[in-house]
Amino acid sequence: MLADYKTAPISEQEKALFRFIQKLNRNAWEIRQSDVDELHQAGWTDEAVYDAINVCCLFNFYNRWIDASGVQEMSEEGHRQAGVRIAQRGYSF
């Protein structure tokens, strides 16, 4: 999946969404109604398209913010501890 969504064992519906997200990441200024129409034809609702756009854009924002602000990567042990905490208590602190 990570290497090439086009040949990954996922549904055609999911491939349509990944085509859209790829275009959003690379050429957002070229997004047209026809791109959204293609998602509708694949079975995605307006709400799902909106959610996909928000997730994609927020991750782009977060990645740029982290790169520019110098936030350091969490250690392997930190990830392990966070996983235990989330498994026990969910995402609440």
PDB file of N, CA and C in Angstrom:
ATOM      1  N   MET A   1       0.819  -1.179   0.000  1.00  0.00           N
ATOM      2  CA  MET A   1       0.000   0.000   0.000  1.00  0.00           C
ATOM      3  C   MET A   1       0.873   1.256   0.000  1.00  0.00           C
ATOM      4  N   LEU A   2       1.850   1.314   0.872  1.00  0.00           N
ATOM      5  CA  LEU A   2       2.678   2.506   0.956  1.00  0.00           C
ATOM      6  C   LEU A   2       3.550   2.693  -0.277  1.00  0.00           C
ATOM      7  N   ALA A   3       3.956   1.601  -0.888  1.00  0.00           N
ATOM      8  CA  ALA A   3       4.817   1.695  -2.070  1.00  0.00           C
ATOM      9  C   ALA A   3       4.034   2.152  -3.288  1.00  0.00           C
ATOM     10  N   ASP A   4       2.810   1.644  -3.475  1.00  0.00           N
ATOM     11  CA  ASP A   4       2.030   1.999  -4.653  1.00  0.00           C
ATOM     12  C   ASP A   4       0.573   1.623  -4.444  1.00  0.00           C
ATOM     13  N   TYR A   5      -0.237   2.598  -4.124  1.00  0.00           N
ATOM     14  CA  TYR A   5      -1.654   2.312  -3.873  1.00  0.00           C
ATOM     15  C   TYR A   5      -2.353   1.765  -5.119  1.00  0.00           C
ATOM     16  N   LYS A   6      -1.819   2.092  -6.300  1.00  0.00           N
ATOM     17  CA  LYS A   6      -2.468   1.663  -7.547  1.00  0.00           C
ATOM     18  C   LYS A   6      -2.466   0.156  -7.726  1.00  0.00           C
ATOM     19  N   THR A   7      -1.463  -0.508  -7.185  1.00  0.00           N
ATOM     20  CA  THR A   7      -1.379  -1.966  -7.319  1.00  0.00           C
ATOM     21  C   THR A   7      -1.661  -2.683  -5.998  1.00  0.00           C
ATOM     22  N   ALA A   8      -1.988  -1.932  -4.984  1.00  0.00           N
ATOM     23  CA  ALA A   8      -2.256  -2.522  -3.668  1.00  0.00           C
ATOM     24  C   ALA A   8      -3.590  -3.272  -3.681  1.00  0.00           C
ATOM     25  N   PRO A   9      -3.724  -4.263  -2.823  1.00  0.00           N
ATOM     26  CA  PRO A   9      -4.973  -5.029  -2.759  1.00  0.00           C
ATOM     27  C   PRO A   9      -6.059  -4.284  -1.964  1.00  0.00           C
ATOM     28  N   ILE A  10      -6.485  -3.143  -2.517  1.00  0.00           N
ATOM     29  CA  ILE A  10      -7.547  -2.348  -1.913  1.00  0.00           C
ATOM     30  C   ILE A  10      -8.643  -2.160  -2.958  1.00  0.00           C
ATOM     31  N   SER A  11      -9.789  -1.707  -2.508  1.00  0.00           N
ATOM     32  CA  SER A  11     -10.935  -1.550  -3.415  1.00  0.00           C
ATOM     33  C   SER A  11     -10.711  -0.405  -4.405  1.00  0.00           C
ATOM     34  N   GLU A  12     -11.475  -0.452  -5.479  1.00  0.00           N
ATOM     35  CA  GLU A  12     -11.431   0.646  -6.462  1.00  0.00           C
ATOM     36  C   GLU A  12     -11.919   1.946  -5.823  1.00  0.00           C
ATOM     37  N   GLN A  13     -12.842   1.833  -4.887  1.00  0.00           N
ATOM     38  CA  GLN A  13     -13.331   3.005  -4.165  1.00  0.00           C
ATOM     39  C   GLN A  13     -12.179   3.667  -3.401  1.00  0.00           C
ATOM     40  N   GLU A  14     -11.379   2.862  -2.713  1.00  0.00           N
ATOM     41  CA  GLU A  14     -10.242   3.404  -1.965  1.00  0.00           C
ATOM     42  C   GLU A  14      -9.192   3.975  -2.912  1.00  0.00           C
ATOM     43  N   LYS A  15      -8.965   3.319  -4.036  1.00  0.00           N
ATOM     44  CA  LYS A  15      -7.999   3.838  -5.012  1.00  0.00           C
ATOM     45  C   LYS A  15      -8.417   5.200  -5.541  1.00  0.00           C
ATOM     46  N   ALA A  16      -9.719   5.388  -5.758  1.00  0.00           N
ATOM     47  CA  ALA A  16     -10.210   6.689  -6.199  1.00  0.00           C
ATOM     48  C   ALA A  16      -9.896   7.761  -5.161  1.00  0.00           C
ATOM     49  N   LEU A  17     -10.097   7.427  -3.901  1.00  0.00           N
ATOM     50  CA  LEU A  17      -9.801   8.380  -2.835  1.00  0.00           C
ATOM     51  C   LEU A  17      -8.313   8.702  -2.782  1.00  0.00           C
ATOM     52  N   PHE A  18      -7.463   7.689  -2.932  1.00  0.00           N
ATOM     53  CA  PHE A  18      -6.021   7.934  -2.900  1.00  0.00           C
ATOM     54  C   PHE A  18      -5.551   8.743  -4.112  1.00  0.00           C
ATOM     55  N   ARG A  19      -6.187   8.565  -5.275  1.00  0.00           N
ATOM     56  CA  ARG A  19      -5.865   9.411  -6.440  1.00  0.00           C
ATOM     57  C   ARG A  19      -6.162  10.870  -6.122  1.00  0.00           C
ATOM     58  N   PHE A  20      -7.314  11.088  -5.507  1.00  0.00           N
ATOM     59  CA  PHE A  20      -7.707  12.439  -5.137  1.00  0.00           C
ATOM     60  C   PHE A  20      -6.726  13.034  -4.127  1.00  0.00           C
ATOM     61  N   ILE A  21      -6.384  12.265  -3.102  1.00  0.00           N
ATOM     62  CA  ILE A  21      -5.459  12.748  -2.070  1.00  0.00           C
ATOM     63  C   ILE A  21      -4.084  13.032  -2.667  1.00  0.00           C
ATOM     64  N   GLN A  22      -3.647  12.183  -3.579  1.00  0.00           N
ATOM     65  CA  GLN A  22      -2.359  12.425  -4.231  1.00  0.00           C
ATOM     66  C   GLN A  22      -2.386  13.754  -4.992  1.00  0.00           C
ATOM     67  N   LYS A  23      -3.474  14.010  -5.704  1.00  0.00           N
ATOM     68  CA  LYS A  23      -3.594  15.279  -6.422  1.00  0.00           C
ATOM     69  C   LYS A  23      -3.661  16.442  -5.437  1.00  0.00           C
ATOM     70  N   LEU A  24      -4.379  16.256  -4.346  1.00  0.00           N
ATOM     71  CA  LEU A  24      -4.464  17.293  -3.320  1.00  0.00           C
ATOM     72  C   LEU A  24      -3.089  17.616  -2.751  1.00  0.00           C
ATOM     73  N   ASN A  25      -2.280  16.604  -2.523  1.00  0.00           N
ATOM     74  CA  ASN A  25      -0.935  16.812  -1.988  1.00  0.00           C
ATOM     75  C   ASN A  25       0.007  17.461  -2.988  1.00  0.00           C
ATOM     76  N   ARG A  26      -0.109  17.089  -4.232  1.00  0.00           N
ATOM     77  CA  ARG A  26       0.860  17.547  -5.238  1.00  0.00           C
ATOM     78  C   ARG A  26       0.415  18.774  -6.016  1.00  0.00           C
ATOM     79  N   ASN A  27      -0.872  18.873  -6.290  1.00  0.00           N
ATOM     80  CA  ASN A  27      -1.375  19.941  -7.154  1.00  0.00           C
ATOM     81  C   ASN A  27      -2.753  20.414  -6.689  1.00  0.00           C
ATOM     82  N   ALA A  28      -2.850  20.847  -5.466  1.00  0.00           N
ATOM     83  CA  ALA A  28      -4.147  21.229  -4.897  1.00  0.00           C
ATOM     84  C   ALA A  28      -4.855  22.288  -5.735  1.00  0.00           C
ATOM     85  N   TRP A  29      -4.121  23.192  -6.336  1.00  0.00           N
ATOM     86  CA  TRP A  29      -4.694  24.269  -7.133  1.00  0.00           C
ATOM     87  C   TRP A  29      -5.395  23.752  -8.392  1.00  0.00           C
ATOM     88  N   GLU A  30      -5.175  22.477  -8.719  1.00  0.00           N
ATOM     89  CA  GLU A  30      -5.808  21.882  -9.898  1.00  0.00           C
ATOM     90  C   GLU A  30      -7.080  21.088  -9.562  1.00  0.00           C
ATOM     91  N   ILE A  31      -7.451  21.022  -8.285  1.00  0.00           N
ATOM     92  CA  ILE A  31      -8.659  20.294  -7.899  1.00  0.00           C
ATOM     93  C   ILE A  31      -9.871  21.003  -8.509  1.00  0.00           C
ATOM     94  N   ARG A  32     -10.720  20.212  -9.152  1.00  0.00           N
ATOM     95  CA  ARG A  32     -11.929  20.720  -9.796  1.00  0.00           C
ATOM     96  C   ARG A  32     -13.134  19.909  -9.335  1.00  0.00           C
ATOM     97  N   GLN A  33     -14.297  20.401  -9.675  1.00  0.00           N
ATOM     98  CA  GLN A  33     -15.525  19.680  -9.353  1.00  0.00           C
ATOM     99  C   GLN A  33     -15.498  18.274  -9.949  1.00  0.00           C
ATOM    100  N   SER A  34     -14.888  18.127 -11.095  1.00  0.00           N
ATOM    101  CA  SER A  34     -14.825  16.804 -11.727  1.00  0.00           C
ATOM    102  C   SER A  34     -14.065  15.792 -10.856  1.00  0.00           C
ATOM    103  N   ASP A  35     -13.104  16.257 -10.071  1.00  0.00           N
ATOM    104  CA  ASP A  35     -12.384  15.365  -9.149  1.00  0.00           C
ATOM    105  C   ASP A  35     -13.317  14.877  -8.044  1.00  0.00           C
ATOM    106  N   VAL A  36     -14.126  15.779  -7.531  1.00  0.00           N
ATOM    107  CA  VAL A  36     -15.089  15.413  -6.496  1.00  0.00           C
ATOM    108  C   VAL A  36     -16.175  14.522  -7.096  1.00  0.00           C
ATOM    109  N   ASP A  37     -16.585  14.826  -8.313  1.00  0.00           N
ATOM    110  CA  ASP A  37     -17.586  13.999  -8.987  1.00  0.00           C
ATOM    111  C   ASP A  37     -17.093  12.565  -9.135  1.00  0.00           C
ATOM    112  N   GLU A  38     -15.812  12.392  -9.431  1.00  0.00           N
ATOM    113  CA  GLU A  38     -15.239  11.050  -9.547  1.00  0.00           C
ATOM    114  C   GLU A  38     -15.347  10.299  -8.218  1.00  0.00           C
ATOM    115  N   LEU A  39     -15.126  11.012  -7.124  1.00  0.00           N
ATOM    116  CA  LEU A  39     -15.268  10.381  -5.809  1.00  0.00           C
ATOM    117  C   LEU A  39     -16.721   9.997  -5.536  1.00  0.00           C
ATOM    118  N   HIS A  40     -17.644  10.867  -5.920  1.00  0.00           N
ATOM    119  CA  HIS A  40     -19.063  10.540  -5.753  1.00  0.00           C
ATOM    120  C   HIS A  40     -19.416   9.291  -6.559  1.00  0.00           C
ATOM    121  N   GLN A  41     -18.919   9.211  -7.782  1.00  0.00           N
ATOM    122  CA  GLN A  41     -19.194   8.041  -8.625  1.00  0.00           C
ATOM    123  C   GLN A  41     -18.604   6.769  -8.021  1.00  0.00           C
ATOM    124  N   ALA A  42     -17.530   6.916  -7.268  1.00  0.00           N
ATOM    125  CA  ALA A  42     -16.909   5.760  -6.613  1.00  0.00           C
ATOM    126  C   ALA A  42     -17.636   5.385  -5.321  1.00  0.00           C
ATOM    127  N   GLY A  43     -18.579   6.218  -4.892  1.00  0.00           N
ATOM    128  CA  GLY A  43     -19.358   5.889  -3.709  1.00  0.00           C
ATOM    129  C   GLY A  43     -19.071   6.727  -2.481  1.00  0.00           C
ATOM    130  N   TRP A  44     -18.231   7.732  -2.593  1.00  0.00           N
ATOM    131  CA  TRP A  44     -17.904   8.579  -1.452  1.00  0.00           C
ATOM    132  C   TRP A  44     -18.930   9.704  -1.330  1.00  0.00           C
ATOM    133  N   THR A  45     -19.315  10.010  -0.107  1.00  0.00           N
ATOM    134  CA  THR A  45     -20.255  11.101   0.158  1.00  0.00           C
ATOM    135  C   THR A  45     -19.507  12.420   0.280  1.00  0.00           C
ATOM    136  N   ASP A  46     -20.262  13.519   0.244  1.00  0.00           N
ATOM    137  CA  ASP A  46     -19.650  14.836   0.456  1.00  0.00           C
ATOM    138  C   ASP A  46     -18.955  14.900   1.813  1.00  0.00           C
ATOM    139  N   GLU A  47     -19.587  14.311   2.822  1.00  0.00           N
ATOM    140  CA  GLU A  47     -18.996  14.316   4.161  1.00  0.00           C
ATOM    141  C   GLU A  47     -17.658  13.567   4.177  1.00  0.00           C
ATOM    142  N   ALA A  48     -17.598  12.426   3.496  1.00  0.00           N
ATOM    143  CA  ALA A  48     -16.351  11.653   3.448  1.00  0.00           C
ATOM    144  C   ALA A  48     -15.264  12.416   2.701  1.00  0.00           C
ATOM    145  N   VAL A  49     -15.639  13.087   1.617  1.00  0.00           N
ATOM    146  CA  VAL A  49     -14.662  13.890   0.859  1.00  0.00           C
ATOM    147  C   VAL A  49     -14.154  15.026   1.736  1.00  0.00           C
ATOM    148  N   TYR A  50     -15.053  15.694   2.416  1.00  0.00           N
ATOM    149  CA  TYR A  50     -14.681  16.784   3.323  1.00  0.00           C
ATOM    150  C   TYR A  50     -13.722  16.287   4.406  1.00  0.00           C
ATOM    151  N   ASP A  51     -14.038  15.138   4.991  1.00  0.00           N
ATOM    152  CA  ASP A  51     -13.166  14.561   6.022  1.00  0.00           C
ATOM    153  C   ASP A  51     -11.790  14.231   5.455  1.00  0.00           C
ATOM    154  N   ALA A  52     -11.747  13.646   4.269  1.00  0.00           N
ATOM    155  CA  ALA A  52     -10.459  13.294   3.648  1.00  0.00           C
ATOM    156  C   ALA A  52      -9.620  14.540   3.388  1.00  0.00           C
ATOM    157  N   ILE A  53     -10.263  15.586   2.902  1.00  0.00           N
ATOM    158  CA  ILE A  53      -9.544  16.844   2.663  1.00  0.00           C
ATOM    159  C   ILE A  53      -8.991  17.389   3.974  1.00  0.00           C
ATOM    160  N   ASN A  54      -9.811  17.401   5.016  1.00  0.00           N
ATOM    161  CA  ASN A  54      -9.360  17.920   6.308  1.00  0.00           C
ATOM    162  C   ASN A  54      -8.189  17.122   6.869  1.00  0.00           C
ATOM    163  N   VAL A  55      -8.276  15.806   6.833  1.00  0.00           N
ATOM    164  CA  VAL A  55      -7.188  14.977   7.357  1.00  0.00           C
ATOM    165  C   VAL A  55      -5.913  15.230   6.570  1.00  0.00           C
ATOM    166  N   CYS A  56      -6.017  15.219   5.259  1.00  0.00           N
ATOM    167  CA  CYS A  56      -4.836  15.448   4.414  1.00  0.00           C
ATOM    168  C   CYS A  56      -4.208  16.811   4.712  1.00  0.00           C
ATOM    169  N   CYS A  57      -5.021  17.848   4.739  1.00  0.00           N
ATOM    170  CA  CYS A  57      -4.495  19.197   4.952  1.00  0.00           C
ATOM    171  C   CYS A  57      -3.936  19.384   6.355  1.00  0.00           C
ATOM    172  N   LEU A  58      -4.581  18.808   7.347  1.00  0.00           N
ATOM    173  CA  LEU A  58      -4.062  18.930   8.708  1.00  0.00           C
ATOM    174  C   LEU A  58      -2.715  18.234   8.858  1.00  0.00           C
ATOM    175  N   PHE A  59      -2.564  17.061   8.248  1.00  0.00           N
ATOM    176  CA  PHE A  59      -1.269  16.396   8.329  1.00  0.00           C
ATOM    177  C   PHE A  59      -0.193  17.201   7.608  1.00  0.00           C
ATOM    178  N   ASN A  60      -0.537  17.827   6.487  1.00  0.00           N
ATOM    179  CA  ASN A  60       0.420  18.702   5.812  1.00  0.00           C
ATOM    180  C   ASN A  60       0.818  19.856   6.721  1.00  0.00           C
ATOM    181  N   PHE A  61      -0.172  20.463   7.372  1.00  0.00           N
ATOM    182  CA  PHE A  61       0.106  21.555   8.297  1.00  0.00           C
ATOM    183  C   PHE A  61       1.004  21.098   9.439  1.00  0.00           C
ATOM    184  N   TYR A  62       0.619  19.990  10.082  1.00  0.00           N
ATOM    185  CA  TYR A  62       1.399  19.505  11.219  1.00  0.00           C
ATOM    186  C   TYR A  62       2.833  19.186  10.819  1.00  0.00           C
ATOM    187  N   ASN A  63       3.021  18.544   9.692  1.00  0.00           N
ATOM    188  CA  ASN A  63       4.377  18.208   9.245  1.00  0.00           C
ATOM    189  C   ASN A  63       5.210  19.460   9.008  1.00  0.00           C
ATOM    190  N   ARG A  64       4.644  20.468   8.389  1.00  0.00           N
ATOM    191  CA  ARG A  64       5.384  21.707   8.149  1.00  0.00           C
ATOM    192  C   ARG A  64       5.665  22.445   9.457  1.00  0.00           C
ATOM    193  N   TRP A  65       4.683  22.446  10.353  1.00  0.00           N
ATOM    194  CA  TRP A  65       4.879  23.096  11.645  1.00  0.00           C
ATOM    195  C   TRP A  65       5.995  22.408  12.424  1.00  0.00           C
ATOM    196  N   ILE A  66       5.989  21.104  12.447  1.00  0.00           N
ATOM    197  CA  ILE A  66       7.031  20.345  13.152  1.00  0.00           C
ATOM    198  C   ILE A  66       8.393  20.602  12.527  1.00  0.00           C
ATOM    199  N   ASP A  67       8.472  20.565  11.193  1.00  0.00           N
ATOM    200  CA  ASP A  67       9.748  20.819  10.518  1.00  0.00           C
ATOM    201  C   ASP A  67      10.282  22.210  10.838  1.00  0.00           C
ATOM    202  N   ALA A  68       9.407  23.203  10.825  1.00  0.00           N
ATOM    203  CA  ALA A  68       9.850  24.584  11.008  1.00  0.00           C
ATOM    204  C   ALA A  68      10.117  24.941  12.461  1.00  0.00           C
ATOM    205  N   SER A  69       9.433  24.305  13.396  1.00  0.00           N
ATOM    206  CA  SER A  69       9.588  24.689  14.800  1.00  0.00           C
ATOM    207  C   SER A  69      10.662  23.895  15.528  1.00  0.00           C
ATOM    208  N   GLY A  70      11.191  22.872  14.886  1.00  0.00           N
ATOM    209  CA  GLY A  70      12.269  22.111  15.504  1.00  0.00           C
ATOM    210  C   GLY A  70      11.819  21.068  16.500  1.00  0.00           C
ATOM    211  N   VAL A  71      10.558  20.701  16.457  1.00  0.00           N
ATOM    212  CA  VAL A  71      10.074  19.647  17.349  1.00  0.00           C
ATOM    213  C   VAL A  71      10.843  18.366  17.030  1.00  0.00           C
ATOM    214  N   GLN A  72      11.313  17.708  18.054  1.00  0.00           N
ATOM    215  CA  GLN A  72      12.121  16.510  17.880  1.00  0.00           C
ATOM    216  C   GLN A  72      11.259  15.250  17.868  1.00  0.00           C
ATOM    217  N   GLU A  73      11.721  14.259  17.154  1.00  0.00           N
ATOM    218  CA  GLU A  73      11.029  12.980  17.088  1.00  0.00           C
ATOM    219  C   GLU A  73      11.004  12.327  18.472  1.00  0.00           C
ATOM    220  N   MET A  74       9.888  11.690  18.788  1.00  0.00           N
ATOM    221  CA  MET A  74       9.775  10.986  20.057  1.00  0.00           C
ATOM    222  C   MET A  74      10.609   9.708  19.986  1.00  0.00           C
ATOM    223  N   SER A  75      11.228   9.348  21.069  1.00  0.00           N
ATOM    224  CA  SER A  75      12.071   8.157  21.123  1.00  0.00           C
ATOM    225  C   SER A  75      11.223   6.894  20.993  1.00  0.00           C
ATOM    226  N   GLU A  76      11.876   5.784  20.691  1.00  0.00           N
ATOM    227  CA  GLU A  76      11.185   4.504  20.611  1.00  0.00           C
ATOM    228  C   GLU A  76      10.525   4.166  21.949  1.00  0.00           C
ATOM    229  N   GLU A  77      11.220   4.434  23.041  1.00  0.00           N
ATOM    230  CA  GLU A  77      10.669   4.174  24.363  1.00  0.00           C
ATOM    231  C   GLU A  77       9.463   5.074  24.633  1.00  0.00           C
ATOM    232  N   GLY A  78       9.535   6.309  24.190  1.00  0.00           N
ATOM    233  CA  GLY A  78       8.411   7.220  24.344  1.00  0.00           C
ATOM    234  C   GLY A  78       7.175   6.715  23.609  1.00  0.00           C
ATOM    235  N   HIS A  79       7.373   6.197  22.391  1.00  0.00           N
ATOM    236  CA  HIS A  79       6.258   5.611  21.629  1.00  0.00           C
ATOM    237  C   HIS A  79       5.681   4.404  22.357  1.00  0.00           C
ATOM    238  N   ARG A  80       6.545   3.587  22.907  1.00  0.00           N
ATOM    239  CA  ARG A  80       6.112   2.388  23.627  1.00  0.00           C
ATOM    240  C   ARG A  80       5.264   2.784  24.850  1.00  0.00           C
ATOM    241  N   GLN A  81       5.741   3.752  25.599  1.00  0.00           N
ATOM    242  CA  GLN A  81       5.007   4.201  26.781  1.00  0.00           C
ATOM    243  C   GLN A  81       3.664   4.827  26.395  1.00  0.00           C
ATOM    244  N   ALA A  82       3.664   5.603  25.337  1.00  0.00           N
ATOM    245  CA  ALA A  82       2.418   6.215  24.871  1.00  0.00           C
ATOM    246  C   ALA A  82       1.425   5.141  24.439  1.00  0.00           C
ATOM    247  N   GLY A  83       1.906   4.102  23.784  1.00  0.00           N
ATOM    248  CA  GLY A  83       1.041   3.007  23.368  1.00  0.00           C
ATOM    249  C   GLY A  83       0.386   2.315  24.543  1.00  0.00           C
ATOM    250  N   VAL A  84       1.153   2.089  25.600  1.00  0.00           N
ATOM    251  CA  VAL A  84       0.612   1.464  26.810  1.00  0.00           C
ATOM    252  C   VAL A  84      -0.444   2.381  27.427  1.00  0.00           C
ATOM    253  N   ARG A  85      -0.130   3.676  27.538  1.00  0.00           N
ATOM    254  CA  ARG A  85      -1.070   4.636  28.127  1.00  0.00           C
ATOM    255  C   ARG A  85      -2.359   4.696  27.314  1.00  0.00           C
ATOM    256  N   ILE A  86      -2.261   4.777  25.991  1.00  0.00           N
ATOM    257  CA  ILE A  86      -3.445   4.858  25.141  1.00  0.00           C
ATOM    258  C   ILE A  86      -4.263   3.576  25.232  1.00  0.00           C
ATOM    259  N   ALA A  87      -3.591   2.425  25.290  1.00  0.00           N
ATOM    260  CA  ALA A  87      -4.301   1.151  25.414  1.00  0.00           C
ATOM    261  C   ALA A  87      -5.073   1.074  26.726  1.00  0.00           C
ATOM    262  N   GLN A  88      -4.525   1.667  27.765  1.00  0.00           N
ATOM    263  CA  GLN A  88      -5.155   1.594  29.097  1.00  0.00           C
ATOM    264  C   GLN A  88      -6.225   2.649  29.297  1.00  0.00           C
ATOM    265  N   ARG A  89      -5.967   3.869  28.797  1.00  0.00           N
ATOM    266  CA  ARG A  89      -6.875   4.979  29.109  1.00  0.00           C
ATOM    267  C   ARG A  89      -7.468   5.668  27.889  1.00  0.00           C
ATOM    268  N   GLY A  90      -7.129   5.216  26.716  1.00  0.00           N
ATOM    269  CA  GLY A  90      -7.599   5.916  25.515  1.00  0.00           C
ATOM    270  C   GLY A  90      -6.779   7.164  25.277  1.00  0.00           C
ATOM    271  N   TYR A  91      -7.322   8.115  24.570  1.00  0.00           N
ATOM    272  CA  TYR A  91      -6.578   9.324  24.218  1.00  0.00           C
ATOM    273  C   TYR A  91      -6.723  10.443  25.241  1.00  0.00           C
ATOM    274  N   SER A  92      -7.458  10.204  26.311  1.00  0.00           N
ATOM    275  CA  SER A  92      -7.590  11.243  27.333  1.00  0.00           C
ATOM    276  C   SER A  92      -6.373  11.215  28.255  1.00  0.00           C
ATOM    277  N   PHE A  93      -6.089  12.325  28.865  1.00  0.00           N
ATOM    278  CA  PHE A  93      -4.947  12.419  29.765  1.00  0.00           C
ATOM    279  C   PHE A  93      -5.445  12.269  31.137  1.00  0.00           C
TER     280      PHE A  93
END
